[in-house]
Amino acid sequence: MQPTYTHIPDLLAQMPDIPPDSILSRTFYQDDGAKFILFGFAAGQELSEHTASVPAILHFLKGEARIKLGSDELDAHPGAWAHLPPHLPHSVFAKTDVIMLLAMLS
């Protein structure tokens, strides 16, 4: 029996246009070990500080953002990647329109 797999040829195409003053999220894959969510932020939008009970990975695909991880403030550009342990306070502020991939690991 051949294992099943998922292939998405263009991840950015999974995100519809981001309306002004909005944040969109779209879960595009989930299994017993992980959940993958695309976030689209209009410029100026913010995901305020919060924590997650599971490890998470942020991967920025498009745009410019400022992220806060614990007490550190960092810039994020396309290609930026961060692993967050459980319960780390974090936030995201979109300087421009941003598309970010969030992986929540279980």
N, C-alpha and C. Protein backbone atom coordinates (compact mmCIF):
# COMPACT_ATOMS: atom_id res chain seq x y z
N MET A 1 0.85 -1.19 0.00
CA MET A 1 0.00 0.00 0.00
C MET A 1 0.89 1.24 0.00
N GLN A 2 0.62 2.17 -0.89
CA GLN A 2 1.40 3.39 -1.00
C GLN A 2 0.90 4.41 0.02
N PRO A 3 1.83 5.06 0.75
CA PRO A 3 1.40 6.09 1.71
C PRO A 3 0.72 7.25 0.97
N THR A 4 -0.22 7.87 1.64
CA THR A 4 -0.87 9.04 1.05
C THR A 4 -0.03 10.28 1.33
N TYR A 5 -0.18 11.27 0.50
CA TYR A 5 0.55 12.52 0.69
C TYR A 5 -0.33 13.67 0.21
N THR A 6 0.11 14.87 0.56
CA THR A 6 -0.57 16.08 0.10
C THR A 6 0.46 16.93 -0.64
N HIS A 7 0.08 17.41 -1.81
CA HIS A 7 0.95 18.27 -2.60
C HIS A 7 0.18 19.52 -2.98
N ILE A 8 0.74 20.68 -2.67
CA ILE A 8 0.13 21.96 -3.04
C ILE A 8 1.15 22.69 -3.91
N PRO A 9 0.91 22.81 -5.20
CA PRO A 9 1.91 23.38 -6.09
C PRO A 9 2.17 24.87 -5.89
N ASP A 10 1.22 25.61 -5.32
CA ASP A 10 1.40 27.05 -5.11
C ASP A 10 0.68 27.45 -3.84
N LEU A 11 1.41 27.48 -2.75
CA LEU A 11 0.81 27.77 -1.45
C LEU A 11 0.21 29.17 -1.41
N LEU A 12 0.86 30.15 -2.02
CA LEU A 12 0.34 31.51 -2.00
C LEU A 12 -1.02 31.61 -2.71
N ALA A 13 -1.26 30.76 -3.68
CA ALA A 13 -2.54 30.78 -4.39
C ALA A 13 -3.69 30.31 -3.51
N GLN A 14 -3.39 29.69 -2.37
CA GLN A 14 -4.43 29.23 -1.44
C GLN A 14 -5.06 30.39 -0.67
N MET A 15 -4.40 31.56 -0.68
CA MET A 15 -4.88 32.72 0.09
C MET A 15 -5.63 33.67 -0.84
N PRO A 16 -6.91 33.91 -0.57
CA PRO A 16 -7.64 34.89 -1.39
C PRO A 16 -7.09 36.30 -1.14
N ASP A 17 -7.51 37.26 -1.94
CA ASP A 17 -7.10 38.65 -1.73
C ASP A 17 -7.50 39.08 -0.32
N ILE A 18 -6.63 39.86 0.30
CA ILE A 18 -6.86 40.30 1.67
C ILE A 18 -7.60 41.63 1.63
N PRO A 19 -8.82 41.68 2.17
CA PRO A 19 -9.54 42.95 2.19
C PRO A 19 -8.82 43.96 3.09
N PRO A 20 -8.95 45.26 2.79
CA PRO A 20 -8.35 46.28 3.66
C PRO A 20 -8.82 46.12 5.10
N ASP A 21 -7.94 46.43 6.02
CA ASP A 21 -8.26 46.42 7.45
C ASP A 21 -8.74 45.06 7.94
N SER A 22 -8.18 43.98 7.39
CA SER A 22 -8.63 42.64 7.76
C SER A 22 -7.47 41.69 7.99
N ILE A 23 -7.78 40.62 8.70
CA ILE A 23 -6.89 39.47 8.84
C ILE A 23 -7.71 38.25 8.44
N LEU A 24 -7.17 37.48 7.50
CA LEU A 24 -7.82 36.25 7.06
C LEU A 24 -7.00 35.07 7.54
N SER A 25 -7.66 33.96 7.82
CA SER A 25 -6.94 32.73 8.11
C SER A 25 -7.63 31.59 7.38
N ARG A 26 -6.81 30.66 6.91
CA ARG A 26 -7.36 29.52 6.19
C ARG A 26 -6.55 28.28 6.54
N THR A 27 -7.20 27.32 7.21
CA THR A 27 -6.56 26.04 7.48
C THR A 27 -6.58 25.24 6.19
N PHE A 28 -5.39 24.84 5.72
CA PHE A 28 -5.35 24.10 4.47
C PHE A 28 -4.90 22.66 4.64
N TYR A 29 -4.42 22.31 5.85
CA TYR A 29 -4.05 20.91 6.09
C TYR A 29 -4.04 20.67 7.60
N GLN A 30 -4.54 19.48 7.99
CA GLN A 30 -4.53 19.10 9.40
C GLN A 30 -4.48 17.58 9.48
N ASP A 31 -3.67 17.07 10.38
CA ASP A 31 -3.66 15.65 10.69
C ASP A 31 -3.42 15.49 12.19
N ASP A 32 -3.13 14.28 12.64
CA ASP A 32 -2.96 14.05 14.08
C ASP A 32 -1.74 14.75 14.66
N GLY A 33 -0.76 15.12 13.82
CA GLY A 33 0.48 15.70 14.33
C GLY A 33 0.65 17.18 14.13
N ALA A 34 -0.16 17.79 13.25
CA ALA A 34 0.05 19.21 12.95
C ALA A 34 -1.17 19.81 12.29
N LYS A 35 -1.25 21.13 12.40
CA LYS A 35 -2.27 21.92 11.72
C LYS A 35 -1.55 23.06 11.03
N PHE A 36 -1.85 23.27 9.73
CA PHE A 36 -1.19 24.31 8.94
C PHE A 36 -2.22 25.34 8.51
N ILE A 37 -1.94 26.60 8.84
CA ILE A 37 -2.88 27.69 8.62
C ILE A 37 -2.15 28.81 7.87
N LEU A 38 -2.75 29.30 6.80
CA LEU A 38 -2.25 30.50 6.13
C LEU A 38 -2.96 31.71 6.73
N PHE A 39 -2.18 32.72 7.07
CA PHE A 39 -2.73 33.98 7.55
C PHE A 39 -2.42 35.06 6.52
N GLY A 40 -3.40 35.88 6.23
CA GLY A 40 -3.21 37.06 5.41
C GLY A 40 -3.55 38.28 6.24
N PHE A 41 -2.59 39.19 6.35
CA PHE A 41 -2.77 40.42 7.12
C PHE A 41 -2.75 41.60 6.16
N ALA A 42 -3.75 42.47 6.22
CA ALA A 42 -3.67 43.74 5.51
C ALA A 42 -2.66 44.61 6.25
N ALA A 43 -2.00 45.50 5.52
CA ALA A 43 -1.03 46.41 6.14
C ALA A 43 -1.66 47.12 7.34
N GLY A 44 -0.92 47.18 8.44
CA GLY A 44 -1.40 47.85 9.64
C GLY A 44 -2.17 46.97 10.60
N GLN A 45 -2.47 45.75 10.21
CA GLN A 45 -3.22 44.84 11.09
C GLN A 45 -2.27 44.12 12.05
N GLU A 46 -2.81 43.74 13.19
CA GLU A 46 -1.98 43.11 14.22
C GLU A 46 -2.70 41.94 14.86
N LEU A 47 -1.95 40.88 15.08
CA LEU A 47 -2.40 39.77 15.91
C LEU A 47 -1.78 40.05 17.27
N SER A 48 -2.60 40.46 18.24
CA SER A 48 -2.08 40.92 19.52
C SER A 48 -1.42 39.77 20.29
N GLU A 49 -0.65 40.16 21.29
CA GLU A 49 0.13 39.18 22.04
C GLU A 49 -0.76 38.08 22.62
N HIS A 50 -0.30 36.85 22.44
CA HIS A 50 -1.01 35.67 22.94
C HIS A 50 0.00 34.54 23.07
N THR A 51 -0.45 33.39 23.54
CA THR A 51 0.38 32.20 23.64
C THR A 51 -0.36 31.03 23.02
N ALA A 52 0.37 29.97 22.77
CA ALA A 52 -0.22 28.72 22.27
C ALA A 52 0.23 27.60 23.19
N SER A 53 -0.60 26.61 23.35
CA SER A 53 -0.28 25.50 24.25
C SER A 53 0.59 24.43 23.58
N VAL A 54 0.84 24.59 22.28
CA VAL A 54 1.65 23.62 21.53
C VAL A 54 2.79 24.36 20.83
N PRO A 55 3.86 23.66 20.44
CA PRO A 55 4.91 24.31 19.67
C PRO A 55 4.34 24.81 18.33
N ALA A 56 4.91 25.92 17.84
CA ALA A 56 4.43 26.50 16.59
C ALA A 56 5.61 26.98 15.76
N ILE A 57 5.37 27.06 14.45
CA ILE A 57 6.36 27.60 13.53
C ILE A 57 5.70 28.69 12.72
N LEU A 58 6.36 29.85 12.63
CA LEU A 58 5.93 30.95 11.78
C LEU A 58 6.86 31.00 10.58
N HIS A 59 6.30 31.02 9.38
CA HIS A 59 7.10 31.13 8.16
C HIS A 59 6.47 32.23 7.32
N PHE A 60 7.22 33.29 7.09
CA PHE A 60 6.70 34.44 6.35
C PHE A 60 6.95 34.23 4.86
N LEU A 61 5.87 34.33 4.07
CA LEU A 61 5.92 34.05 2.64
C LEU A 61 5.89 35.32 1.80
N LYS A 62 5.27 36.37 2.33
CA LYS A 62 5.12 37.61 1.56
C LYS A 62 5.00 38.77 2.53
N GLY A 63 5.60 39.91 2.19
CA GLY A 63 5.41 41.14 2.96
C GLY A 63 6.43 41.34 4.06
N GLU A 64 6.21 42.41 4.80
CA GLU A 64 7.11 42.84 5.87
C GLU A 64 6.30 42.93 7.17
N ALA A 65 6.84 42.35 8.22
CA ALA A 65 6.14 42.35 9.51
C ALA A 65 7.13 42.63 10.63
N ARG A 66 6.57 43.01 11.77
CA ARG A 66 7.35 43.09 13.01
C ARG A 66 6.74 42.04 13.93
N ILE A 67 7.58 41.17 14.46
CA ILE A 67 7.08 40.14 15.36
C ILE A 67 7.71 40.33 16.73
N LYS A 68 6.98 39.95 17.72
CA LYS A 68 7.48 39.95 19.09
C LYS A 68 7.45 38.51 19.56
N LEU A 69 8.61 38.01 19.96
CA LEU A 69 8.77 36.66 20.49
C LEU A 69 9.33 36.79 21.89
N GLY A 70 8.50 36.51 22.89
CA GLY A 70 8.92 36.80 24.25
C GLY A 70 9.13 38.30 24.37
N SER A 71 10.31 38.72 24.82
CA SER A 71 10.60 40.16 24.95
C SER A 71 11.36 40.71 23.75
N ASP A 72 11.65 39.88 22.75
CA ASP A 72 12.41 40.32 21.58
C ASP A 72 11.48 40.79 20.46
N GLU A 73 11.80 41.96 19.87
CA GLU A 73 11.09 42.45 18.70
C GLU A 73 12.00 42.27 17.50
N LEU A 74 11.47 41.64 16.44
CA LEU A 74 12.27 41.29 15.27
C LEU A 74 11.52 41.67 14.00
N ASP A 75 12.27 41.93 12.93
CA ASP A 75 11.65 42.14 11.62
C ASP A 75 11.52 40.80 10.93
N ALA A 76 10.45 40.64 10.17
CA ALA A 76 10.23 39.42 9.39
C ALA A 76 9.96 39.81 7.94
N HIS A 77 10.67 39.16 7.03
CA HIS A 77 10.56 39.38 5.59
C HIS A 77 10.28 38.03 4.95
N PRO A 78 9.98 37.99 3.65
CA PRO A 78 9.78 36.69 3.00
C PRO A 78 10.97 35.77 3.24
N GLY A 79 10.66 34.58 3.69
CA GLY A 79 11.70 33.60 4.01
C GLY A 79 12.02 33.52 5.50
N ALA A 80 11.58 34.50 6.30
CA ALA A 80 11.83 34.46 7.74
C ALA A 80 11.07 33.29 8.36
N TRP A 81 11.69 32.65 9.35
CA TRP A 81 11.16 31.44 9.96
C TRP A 81 11.46 31.48 11.44
N ALA A 82 10.49 31.10 12.27
CA ALA A 82 10.70 31.07 13.72
C ALA A 82 9.98 29.88 14.33
N HIS A 83 10.67 29.20 15.25
CA HIS A 83 10.06 28.12 16.03
C HIS A 83 9.73 28.69 17.40
N LEU A 84 8.51 28.48 17.86
CA LEU A 84 8.06 28.98 19.15
C LEU A 84 7.74 27.80 20.06
N PRO A 85 8.35 27.74 21.23
CA PRO A 85 7.97 26.69 22.18
C PRO A 85 6.59 27.00 22.75
N PRO A 86 5.95 26.00 23.36
CA PRO A 86 4.64 26.25 23.97
C PRO A 86 4.72 27.39 25.00
N HIS A 87 3.67 28.18 25.06
CA HIS A 87 3.47 29.22 26.06
C HIS A 87 4.37 30.45 25.90
N LEU A 88 5.08 30.58 24.77
CA LEU A 88 5.88 31.78 24.53
C LEU A 88 4.95 32.91 24.06
N PRO A 89 4.92 34.03 24.78
CA PRO A 89 4.10 35.15 24.30
C PRO A 89 4.65 35.65 22.96
N HIS A 90 3.74 35.91 22.03
CA HIS A 90 4.16 36.39 20.71
C HIS A 90 3.04 37.21 20.07
N SER A 91 3.45 38.06 19.12
CA SER A 91 2.50 38.88 18.38
C SER A 91 3.07 39.15 16.99
N VAL A 92 2.19 39.60 16.07
CA VAL A 92 2.58 39.90 14.69
C VAL A 92 1.93 41.21 14.30
N PHE A 93 2.73 42.13 13.76
CA PHE A 93 2.22 43.39 13.22
C PHE A 93 2.64 43.48 11.75
N ALA A 94 1.68 43.67 10.86
CA ALA A 94 1.96 43.73 9.42
C ALA A 94 2.31 45.16 9.02
N LYS A 95 3.56 45.36 8.60
CA LYS A 95 3.98 46.67 8.07
C LYS A 95 3.43 46.87 6.66
N THR A 96 3.34 45.79 5.89
CA THR A 96 2.75 45.78 4.55
C THR A 96 1.75 44.63 4.54
N ASP A 97 1.09 44.38 3.43
CA ASP A 97 0.29 43.16 3.33
C ASP A 97 1.22 41.97 3.55
N VAL A 98 0.80 41.03 4.38
CA VAL A 98 1.64 39.90 4.77
C VAL A 98 0.88 38.59 4.57
N ILE A 99 1.59 37.60 4.10
CA ILE A 99 1.08 36.23 4.12
C ILE A 99 2.07 35.40 4.94
N MET A 100 1.54 34.71 5.94
CA MET A 100 2.34 33.95 6.89
C MET A 100 1.76 32.54 7.01
N LEU A 101 2.64 31.57 7.02
CA LEU A 101 2.24 30.19 7.27
C LEU A 101 2.48 29.89 8.74
N LEU A 102 1.45 29.42 9.41
CA LEU A 102 1.54 28.99 10.81
C LEU A 102 1.39 27.48 10.85
N ALA A 103 2.36 26.82 11.46
CA ALA A 103 2.27 25.38 11.71
C ALA A 103 2.14 25.18 13.20
N MET A 104 1.09 24.52 13.63
CA MET A 104 0.90 24.19 15.05
C MET A 104 1.14 22.69 15.18
N LEU A 105 2.13 22.35 15.99
CA LEU A 105 2.57 20.96 16.12
C LEU A 105 1.97 20.35 17.37
N SER A 106 1.58 19.07 17.26
CA SER A 106 1.04 18.42 18.47
C SER A 106 1.94 17.31 18.93
